[in-house]
């Protein structure tokens, strides 16, 4: 299994959770900066990496969700057309 096997609903749920984690890490990073943690501090560096990683994961999940929705769209449109215009009886 890989990310292409996830449904748009699963990707949406993942992106939503990642958005919360991303916001938390951004607030933590800002608080640490406001408290004067030096750039060389190992915890501050780890939080920067975690923030960058959460940001990258969020954007990746959101983009994959968009692509999954686009891939789903033609089949949904075709199903809608079939409902409105069923094939003639044979």
PDB file of N, CA and C in Angstrom:
ATOM      1  N   UNK A   1       0.847  -1.180   0.000  1.00  0.00           N
ATOM      2  CA  UNK A   1       0.000   0.000   0.000  1.00  0.00           C
ATOM      3  C   UNK A   1       0.888   1.237   0.000  1.00  0.00           C
ATOM      4  N   UNK A   2       0.409   2.284  -0.669  1.00  0.00           N
ATOM      5  CA  UNK A   2       1.082   3.565  -0.606  1.00  0.00           C
ATOM      6  C   UNK A   2       0.025   4.673  -0.614  1.00  0.00           C
ATOM      7  N   UNK A   3       0.459   5.911  -0.671  1.00  0.00           N
ATOM      8  CA  UNK A   3      -0.477   7.031  -0.553  1.00  0.00           C
ATOM      9  C   UNK A   3      -1.514   7.068  -1.667  1.00  0.00           C
ATOM     10  N   UNK A   4      -1.208   6.480  -2.810  1.00  0.00           N
ATOM     11  CA  UNK A   4      -2.178   6.481  -3.905  1.00  0.00           C
ATOM     12  C   UNK A   4      -3.368   5.570  -3.612  1.00  0.00           C
ATOM     13  N   UNK A   5      -3.237   4.678  -2.630  1.00  0.00           N
ATOM     14  CA  UNK A   5      -4.332   3.782  -2.271  1.00  0.00           C
ATOM     15  C   UNK A   5      -5.335   4.433  -1.314  1.00  0.00           C
ATOM     16  N   UNK A   6      -5.001   5.599  -0.783  1.00  0.00           N
ATOM     17  CA  UNK A   6      -5.905   6.278   0.148  1.00  0.00           C
ATOM     18  C   UNK A   6      -7.036   6.961  -0.605  1.00  0.00           C
ATOM     19  N   UNK A   7      -8.218   6.926  -0.019  1.00  0.00           N
ATOM     20  CA  UNK A   7      -9.368   7.585  -0.629  1.00  0.00           C
ATOM     21  C   UNK A   7      -9.314   9.082  -0.339  1.00  0.00           C
ATOM     22  N   UNK A   8     -10.118   9.841  -1.065  1.00  0.00           N
ATOM     23  CA  UNK A   8     -10.156  11.284  -0.812  1.00  0.00           C
ATOM     24  C   UNK A   8     -10.641  11.563   0.609  1.00  0.00           C
ATOM     25  N   UNK A   9     -11.546  10.744   1.137  1.00  0.00           N
ATOM     26  CA  UNK A   9     -12.028  10.928   2.512  1.00  0.00           C
ATOM     27  C   UNK A   9     -10.910  10.670   3.524  1.00  0.00           C
ATOM     28  N   UNK A  10     -10.117   9.627   3.279  1.00  0.00           N
ATOM     29  CA  UNK A  10      -8.993   9.338   4.175  1.00  0.00           C
ATOM     30  C   UNK A  10      -7.956  10.453   4.117  1.00  0.00           C
ATOM     31  N   UNK A  11      -7.691  10.944   2.923  1.00  0.00           N
ATOM     32  CA  UNK A  11      -6.722  12.030   2.773  1.00  0.00           C
ATOM     33  C   UNK A  11      -7.228  13.307   3.429  1.00  0.00           C
ATOM     34  N   UNK A  12      -8.522  13.549   3.340  1.00  0.00           N
ATOM     35  CA  UNK A  12      -9.107  14.726   3.992  1.00  0.00           C
ATOM     36  C   UNK A  12      -8.947  14.625   5.508  1.00  0.00           C
ATOM     37  N   UNK A  13      -9.247  13.446   6.064  1.00  0.00           N
ATOM     38  CA  UNK A  13      -9.101  13.239   7.510  1.00  0.00           C
ATOM     39  C   UNK A  13      -7.647  13.417   7.935  1.00  0.00           C
ATOM     40  N   UNK A  14      -6.730  12.898   7.143  1.00  0.00           N
ATOM     41  CA  UNK A  14      -5.303  13.032   7.439  1.00  0.00           C
ATOM     42  C   UNK A  14      -4.873  14.495   7.387  1.00  0.00           C
ATOM     43  N   UNK A  15      -5.272  15.206   6.344  1.00  0.00           N
ATOM     44  CA  UNK A  15      -4.903  16.617   6.219  1.00  0.00           C
ATOM     45  C   UNK A  15      -5.476  17.439   7.365  1.00  0.00           C
ATOM     46  N   UNK A  16      -6.691  17.117   7.786  1.00  0.00           N
ATOM     47  CA  UNK A  16      -7.315  17.835   8.904  1.00  0.00           C
ATOM     48  C   UNK A  16      -6.519  17.632  10.187  1.00  0.00           C
ATOM     49  N   UNK A  17      -6.136  16.394  10.473  1.00  0.00           N
ATOM     50  CA  UNK A  17      -5.338  16.134  11.681  1.00  0.00           C
ATOM     51  C   UNK A  17      -3.958  16.785  11.578  1.00  0.00           C
ATOM     52  N   UNK A  18      -3.353  16.696  10.405  1.00  0.00           N
ATOM     53  CA  UNK A  18      -2.045  17.321  10.225  1.00  0.00           C
ATOM     54  C   UNK A  18      -2.123  18.832  10.409  1.00  0.00           C
ATOM     55  N   UNK A  19      -3.220  19.444  10.002  1.00  0.00           N
ATOM     56  CA  UNK A  19      -3.384  20.894  10.176  1.00  0.00           C
ATOM     57  C   UNK A  19      -3.362  21.261  11.660  1.00  0.00           C
ATOM     58  N   UNK A  20      -3.998  20.418  12.497  1.00  0.00           N
ATOM     59  CA  UNK A  20      -3.995  20.677  13.945  1.00  0.00           C
ATOM     60  C   UNK A  20      -2.584  20.544  14.519  1.00  0.00           C
ATOM     61  N   UNK A  21      -1.879  19.489  14.128  1.00  0.00           N
ATOM     62  CA  UNK A  21      -0.509  19.279  14.610  1.00  0.00           C
ATOM     63  C   UNK A  21       0.407  20.409  14.133  1.00  0.00           C
ATOM     64  N   UNK A  22       0.216  20.798  12.892  1.00  0.00           N
ATOM     65  CA  UNK A  22       1.021  21.869  12.303  1.00  0.00           C
ATOM     66  C   UNK A  22       0.822  23.176  13.080  1.00  0.00           C
ATOM     67  N   UNK A  23      -0.427  23.493  13.397  1.00  0.00           N
ATOM     68  CA  UNK A  23      -0.722  24.721  14.143  1.00  0.00           C
ATOM     69  C   UNK A  23      -0.121  24.660  15.550  1.00  0.00           C
ATOM     70  N   UNK A  24      -0.233  23.509  16.197  1.00  0.00           N
ATOM     71  CA  UNK A  24       0.342  23.358  17.533  1.00  0.00           C
ATOM     72  C   UNK A  24       1.854  23.577  17.499  1.00  0.00           C
ATOM     73  N   UNK A  25       2.517  22.940  16.548  1.00  0.00           N
ATOM     74  CA  UNK A  25       3.974  23.077  16.460  1.00  0.00           C
ATOM     75  C   UNK A  25       4.382  24.512  16.133  1.00  0.00           C
ATOM     76  N   UNK A  26       3.613  25.183  15.310  1.00  0.00           N
ATOM     77  CA  UNK A  26       3.922  26.591  14.988  1.00  0.00           C
ATOM     78  C   UNK A  26       3.790  27.464  16.236  1.00  0.00           C
ATOM     79  N   UNK A  27       2.748  27.208  17.034  1.00  0.00           N
ATOM     80  CA  UNK A  27       2.591  27.974  18.285  1.00  0.00           C
ATOM     81  C   UNK A  27       3.724  27.672  19.257  1.00  0.00           C
ATOM     82  N   UNK A  28       4.103  26.402  19.361  1.00  0.00           N
ATOM     83  CA  UNK A  28       5.204  26.010  20.244  1.00  0.00           C
ATOM     84  C   UNK A  28       6.501  26.677  19.803  1.00  0.00           C
ATOM     85  N   UNK A  29       6.748  26.655  18.516  1.00  0.00           N
ATOM     86  CA  UNK A  29       7.960  27.280  17.974  1.00  0.00           C
ATOM     87  C   UNK A  29       7.978  28.781  18.274  1.00  0.00           C
ATOM     88  N   UNK A  30       6.839  29.450  18.130  1.00  0.00           N
ATOM     89  CA  UNK A  30       6.760  30.886  18.419  1.00  0.00           C
ATOM     90  C   UNK A  30       6.978  31.156  19.910  1.00  0.00           C
ATOM     91  N   UNK A  31       6.404  30.309  20.766  1.00  0.00           N
ATOM     92  CA  UNK A  31       6.603  30.485  22.214  1.00  0.00           C
ATOM     93  C   UNK A  31       8.065  30.300  22.582  1.00  0.00           C
ATOM     94  N   UNK A  32       8.698  29.297  22.004  1.00  0.00           N
ATOM     95  CA  UNK A  32      10.115  29.057  22.306  1.00  0.00           C
ATOM     96  C   UNK A  32      10.966  30.232  21.844  1.00  0.00           C
ATOM     97  N   UNK A  33      10.636  30.776  20.694  1.00  0.00           N
ATOM     98  CA  UNK A  33      11.362  31.930  20.184  1.00  0.00           C
ATOM     99  C   UNK A  33      11.160  33.133  21.102  1.00  0.00           C
ATOM    100  N   UNK A  34       9.913  33.336  21.541  1.00  0.00           N
ATOM    101  CA  UNK A  34       9.607  34.463  22.423  1.00  0.00           C
ATOM    102  C   UNK A  34      10.325  34.320  23.769  1.00  0.00           C
ATOM    103  N   UNK A  35      10.539  33.095  24.200  1.00  0.00           N
ATOM    104  CA  UNK A  35      11.250  32.852  25.459  1.00  0.00           C
ATOM    105  C   UNK A  35      12.764  32.969  25.302  1.00  0.00           C
ATOM    106  N   UNK A  36      13.223  33.112  24.081  1.00  0.00           N
ATOM    107  CA  UNK A  36      14.643  33.329  23.846  1.00  0.00           C
ATOM    108  C   UNK A  36      15.477  32.082  23.662  1.00  0.00           C
ATOM    109  N   UNK A  37      14.853  30.961  23.271  1.00  0.00           N
ATOM    110  CA  UNK A  37      15.650  29.766  22.986  1.00  0.00           C
ATOM    111  C   UNK A  37      16.639  30.105  21.872  1.00  0.00           C
ATOM    112  N   UNK A  38      17.916  29.832  22.063  1.00  0.00           N
ATOM    113  CA  UNK A  38      18.888  30.125  21.006  1.00  0.00           C
ATOM    114  C   UNK A  38      18.733  29.170  19.817  1.00  0.00           C
ATOM    115  N   UNK A  39      19.151  29.625  18.644  1.00  0.00           N
ATOM    116  CA  UNK A  39      19.049  28.814  17.429  1.00  0.00           C
ATOM    117  C   UNK A  39      19.793  27.484  17.557  1.00  0.00           C
ATOM    118  N   UNK A  40      20.875  27.473  18.305  1.00  0.00           N
ATOM    119  CA  UNK A  40      21.681  26.269  18.459  1.00  0.00           C
ATOM    120  C   UNK A  40      21.130  25.277  19.470  1.00  0.00           C
ATOM    121  N   UNK A  41      20.067  25.626  20.173  1.00  0.00           N
ATOM    122  CA  UNK A  41      19.494  24.725  21.179  1.00  0.00           C
ATOM    123  C   UNK A  41      18.950  23.476  20.497  1.00  0.00           C
ATOM    124  N   UNK A  42      19.288  22.286  21.000  1.00  0.00           N
ATOM    125  CA  UNK A  42      18.856  21.056  20.331  1.00  0.00           C
ATOM    126  C   UNK A  42      17.333  20.889  20.297  1.00  0.00           C
ATOM    127  N   UNK A  43      16.632  21.297  21.343  1.00  0.00           N
ATOM    128  CA  UNK A  43      15.174  21.172  21.341  1.00  0.00           C
ATOM    129  C   UNK A  43      14.548  22.147  20.340  1.00  0.00           C
ATOM    130  N   UNK A  44      15.062  23.366  20.309  1.00  0.00           N
ATOM    131  CA  UNK A  44      14.557  24.355  19.344  1.00  0.00           C
ATOM    132  C   UNK A  44      14.785  23.868  17.914  1.00  0.00           C
ATOM    133  N   UNK A  45      15.944  23.274  17.666  1.00  0.00           N
ATOM    134  CA  UNK A  45      16.237  22.747  16.326  1.00  0.00           C
ATOM    135  C   UNK A  45      15.290  21.595  15.980  1.00  0.00           C
ATOM    136  N   UNK A  46      15.016  20.735  16.947  1.00  0.00           N
ATOM    137  CA  UNK A  46      14.102  19.612  16.713  1.00  0.00           C
ATOM    138  C   UNK A  46      12.685  20.112  16.429  1.00  0.00           C
ATOM    139  N   UNK A  47      12.252  21.145  17.135  1.00  0.00           N
ATOM    140  CA  UNK A  47      10.914  21.710  16.908  1.00  0.00           C
ATOM    141  C   UNK A  47      10.844  22.357  15.526  1.00  0.00           C
ATOM    142  N   UNK A  48      11.915  23.010  15.103  1.00  0.00           N
ATOM    143  CA  UNK A  48      11.943  23.583  13.741  1.00  0.00           C
ATOM    144  C   UNK A  48      11.792  22.485  12.699  1.00  0.00           C
ATOM    145  N   UNK A  49      12.540  21.391  12.888  1.00  0.00           N
ATOM    146  CA  UNK A  49      12.440  20.267  11.933  1.00  0.00           C
ATOM    147  C   UNK A  49      11.041  19.652  11.961  1.00  0.00           C
ATOM    148  N   UNK A  50      10.479  19.500  13.153  1.00  0.00           N
ATOM    149  CA  UNK A  50       9.136  18.932  13.277  1.00  0.00           C
ATOM    150  C   UNK A  50       8.100  19.833  12.613  1.00  0.00           C
ATOM    151  N   UNK A  51       8.238  21.135  12.794  1.00  0.00           N
ATOM    152  CA  UNK A  51       7.320  22.093  12.172  1.00  0.00           C
ATOM    153  C   UNK A  51       7.431  22.008  10.656  1.00  0.00           C
ATOM    154  N   UNK A  52       8.642  21.979  10.167  1.00  0.00           N
ATOM    155  CA  UNK A  52       8.849  21.870   8.714  1.00  0.00           C
ATOM    156  C   UNK A  52       8.286  20.551   8.177  1.00  0.00           C
ATOM    157  N   UNK A  53       8.485  19.463   8.916  1.00  0.00           N
ATOM    158  CA  UNK A  53       7.973  18.162   8.500  1.00  0.00           C
ATOM    159  C   UNK A  53       6.454  18.121   8.508  1.00  0.00           C
ATOM    160  N   UNK A  54       5.832  18.677   9.551  1.00  0.00           N
ATOM    161  CA  UNK A  54       4.366  18.705   9.626  1.00  0.00           C
ATOM    162  C   UNK A  54       3.799  19.554   8.499  1.00  0.00           C
ATOM    163  N   UNK A  55       4.478  20.653   8.191  1.00  0.00           N
ATOM    164  CA  UNK A  55       4.038  21.524   7.098  1.00  0.00           C
ATOM    165  C   UNK A  55       4.104  20.784   5.761  1.00  0.00           C
ATOM    166  N   UNK A  56       5.204  20.095   5.526  1.00  0.00           N
ATOM    167  CA  UNK A  56       5.364  19.340   4.281  1.00  0.00           C
ATOM    168  C   UNK A  56       4.335  18.211   4.186  1.00  0.00           C
ATOM    169  N   UNK A  57       4.100  17.510   5.293  1.00  0.00           N
ATOM    170  CA  UNK A  57       3.126  16.414   5.290  1.00  0.00           C
ATOM    171  C   UNK A  57       1.719  16.944   5.035  1.00  0.00           C
ATOM    172  N   UNK A  58       1.377  18.073   5.661  1.00  0.00           N
ATOM    173  CA  UNK A  58       0.049  18.672   5.449  1.00  0.00           C
ATOM    174  C   UNK A  58      -0.148  19.035   3.977  1.00  0.00           C
ATOM    175  N   UNK A  59       0.821  19.742   3.398  1.00  0.00           N
ATOM    176  CA  UNK A  59       0.681  20.174   2.005  1.00  0.00           C
ATOM    177  C   UNK A  59       0.629  18.973   1.053  1.00  0.00           C
ATOM    178  N   UNK A  60       1.376  17.938   1.360  1.00  0.00           N
ATOM    179  CA  UNK A  60       1.350  16.735   0.529  1.00  0.00           C
ATOM    180  C   UNK A  60      -0.014  16.052   0.612  1.00  0.00           C
ATOM    181  N   UNK A  61      -0.538  15.893   1.824  1.00  0.00           N
ATOM    182  CA  UNK A  61      -1.847  15.250   1.989  1.00  0.00           C
ATOM    183  C   UNK A  61      -2.949  16.075   1.328  1.00  0.00           C
ATOM    184  N   UNK A  62      -2.881  17.385   1.478  1.00  0.00           N
ATOM    185  CA  UNK A  62      -3.902  18.252   0.870  1.00  0.00           C
ATOM    186  C   UNK A  62      -3.848  18.169  -0.651  1.00  0.00           C
ATOM    187  N   UNK A  63      -2.654  18.133  -1.208  1.00  0.00           N
ATOM    188  CA  UNK A  63      -2.522  18.032  -2.667  1.00  0.00           C
ATOM    189  C   UNK A  63      -3.004  16.667  -3.161  1.00  0.00           C
ATOM    190  N   UNK A  64      -2.654  15.604  -2.453  1.00  0.00           N
ATOM    191  CA  UNK A  64      -3.121  14.277  -2.841  1.00  0.00           C
ATOM    192  C   UNK A  64      -4.647  14.185  -2.745  1.00  0.00           C
ATOM    193  N   UNK A  65      -5.231  14.864  -1.743  1.00  0.00           N
ATOM    194  CA  UNK A  65      -6.693  14.897  -1.635  1.00  0.00           C
ATOM    195  C   UNK A  65      -7.301  15.582  -2.857  1.00  0.00           C
ATOM    196  N   UNK A  66      -6.720  16.714  -3.256  1.00  0.00           N
ATOM    197  CA  UNK A  66      -7.212  17.412  -4.449  1.00  0.00           C
ATOM    198  C   UNK A  66      -7.145  16.507  -5.678  1.00  0.00           C
ATOM    199  N   UNK A  67      -6.030  15.812  -5.837  1.00  0.00           N
ATOM    200  CA  UNK A  67      -5.875  14.921  -6.984  1.00  0.00           C
ATOM    201  C   UNK A  67      -6.877  13.772  -6.933  1.00  0.00           C
ATOM    202  N   UNK A  68      -7.124  13.237  -5.733  1.00  0.00           N
ATOM    203  CA  UNK A  68      -8.093  12.145  -5.593  1.00  0.00           C
ATOM    204  C   UNK A  68      -9.499  12.636  -5.926  1.00  0.00           C
ATOM    205  N   UNK A  69      -9.827  13.848  -5.498  1.00  0.00           N
ATOM    206  CA  UNK A  69     -11.145  14.409  -5.810  1.00  0.00           C
ATOM    207  C   UNK A  69     -11.297  14.623  -7.312  1.00  0.00           C
ATOM    208  N   UNK A  70     -10.238  15.085  -7.957  1.00  0.00           N
ATOM    209  CA  UNK A  70     -10.289  15.271  -9.410  1.00  0.00           C
ATOM    210  C   UNK A  70     -10.456  13.928 -10.117  1.00  0.00           C
ATOM    211  N   UNK A  71      -9.781  12.922  -9.613  1.00  0.00           N
ATOM    212  CA  UNK A  71      -9.893  11.587 -10.222  1.00  0.00           C
ATOM    213  C   UNK A  71     -11.293  11.011 -10.011  1.00  0.00           C
ATOM    214  N   UNK A  72     -11.911  11.323  -8.872  1.00  0.00           N
ATOM    215  CA  UNK A  72     -13.262  10.844  -8.590  1.00  0.00           C
ATOM    216  C   UNK A  72     -14.316  11.588  -9.406  1.00  0.00           C
ATOM    217  N   UNK A  73     -14.025  12.815  -9.771  1.00  0.00           N
ATOM    218  CA  UNK A  73     -15.028  13.685 -10.398  1.00  0.00           C
ATOM    219  C   UNK A  73     -15.618  13.104 -11.685  1.00  0.00           C
ATOM    220  N   UNK A  74     -14.833  12.595 -12.627  1.00  0.00           N
ATOM    221  CA  UNK A  74     -15.447  12.087 -13.850  1.00  0.00           C
ATOM    222  C   UNK A  74     -16.449  10.964 -13.598  1.00  0.00           C
ATOM    223  N   UNK A  75     -16.128  10.044 -12.716  1.00  0.00           N
ATOM    224  CA  UNK A  75     -17.049   8.935 -12.453  1.00  0.00           C
ATOM    225  C   UNK A  75     -18.315   9.442 -11.775  1.00  0.00           C
ATOM    226  N   UNK A  76     -18.175  10.432 -10.906  1.00  0.00           N
ATOM    227  CA  UNK A  76     -19.359  10.994 -10.262  1.00  0.00           C
ATOM    228  C   UNK A  76     -20.214  11.740 -11.281  1.00  0.00           C
ATOM    229  N   UNK A  77     -19.567  12.478 -12.164  1.00  0.00           N
ATOM    230  CA  UNK A  77     -20.319  13.191 -13.201  1.00  0.00           C
ATOM    231  C   UNK A  77     -21.020  12.197 -14.116  1.00  0.00           C
ATOM    232  N   UNK A  78     -20.328  11.128 -14.475  1.00  0.00           N
ATOM    233  CA  UNK A  78     -20.940  10.119 -15.341  1.00  0.00           C
ATOM    234  C   UNK A  78     -22.140   9.477 -14.645  1.00  0.00           C
ATOM    235  N   UNK A  79     -22.022   9.208 -13.357  1.00  0.00           N
ATOM    236  CA  UNK A  79     -23.140   8.612 -12.614  1.00  0.00           C
ATOM    237  C   UNK A  79     -24.314   9.586 -12.563  1.00  0.00           C
ATOM    238  N   UNK A  80     -24.028  10.873 -12.373  1.00  0.00           N
ATOM    239  CA  UNK A  80     -25.099  11.880 -12.358  1.00  0.00           C
ATOM    240  C   UNK A  80     -25.797  11.959 -13.704  1.00  0.00           C
ATOM    241  N   UNK A  81     -25.020  11.907 -14.777  1.00  0.00           N
ATOM    242  CA  UNK A  81     -25.598  11.958 -16.122  1.00  0.00           C
ATOM    243  C   UNK A  81     -26.473  10.735 -16.351  1.00  0.00           C
ATOM    244  N   UNK A  82     -25.997   9.572 -15.915  1.00  0.00           N
ATOM    245  CA  UNK A  82     -26.770   8.342 -16.103  1.00  0.00           C
ATOM    246  C   UNK A  82     -28.091   8.404 -15.332  1.00  0.00           C
ATOM    247  N   UNK A  83     -28.087   9.028 -14.169  1.00  0.00           N
ATOM    248  CA  UNK A  83     -29.319   9.157 -13.392  1.00  0.00           C
ATOM    249  C   UNK A  83     -30.311  10.073 -14.093  1.00  0.00           C
ATOM    250  N   UNK A  84     -29.796  11.171 -14.640  1.00  0.00           N
ATOM    251  CA  UNK A  84     -30.678  12.136 -15.324  1.00  0.00           C
ATOM    252  C   UNK A  84     -31.101  11.650 -16.686  1.00  0.00           C
ATOM    253  N   UNK A  85     -30.227  10.923 -17.374  1.00  0.00           N
ATOM    254  CA  UNK A  85     -30.477  10.466 -18.742  1.00  0.00           C
ATOM    255  C   UNK A  85     -30.167   8.984 -18.869  1.00  0.00           C
ATOM    256  N   UNK A  86     -31.042   8.144 -18.324  1.00  0.00           N
ATOM    257  CA  UNK A  86     -30.761   6.706 -18.402  1.00  0.00           C
ATOM    258  C   UNK A  86     -30.781   6.232 -19.848  1.00  0.00           C
ATOM    259  N   UNK A  87     -30.029   5.169 -20.107  1.00  0.00           N
ATOM    260  CA  UNK A  87     -30.030   4.645 -21.490  1.00  0.00           C
ATOM    261  C   UNK A  87     -31.419   4.142 -21.850  1.00  0.00           C
ATOM    262  N   UNK A  88     -31.766   4.195 -23.121  1.00  0.00           N
ATOM    263  CA  UNK A  88     -33.090   3.707 -23.526  1.00  0.00           C
ATOM    264  C   UNK A  88     -33.201   2.199 -23.310  1.00  0.00           C
ATOM    265  N   UNK A  89     -34.434   1.764 -23.055  1.00  0.00           N
ATOM    266  CA  UNK A  89     -34.674   0.322 -22.890  1.00  0.00           C
ATOM    267  C   UNK A  89     -34.408  -0.386 -24.212  1.00  0.00           C
ATOM    268  N   UNK A  90     -33.821  -1.534 -24.098  1.00  0.00           N
ATOM    269  CA  UNK A  90     -33.521  -2.293 -25.317  1.00  0.00           C
ATOM    270  C   UNK A  90     -34.393  -3.492 -25.434  1.00  0.00           C
TER     271      UNK A  90
END
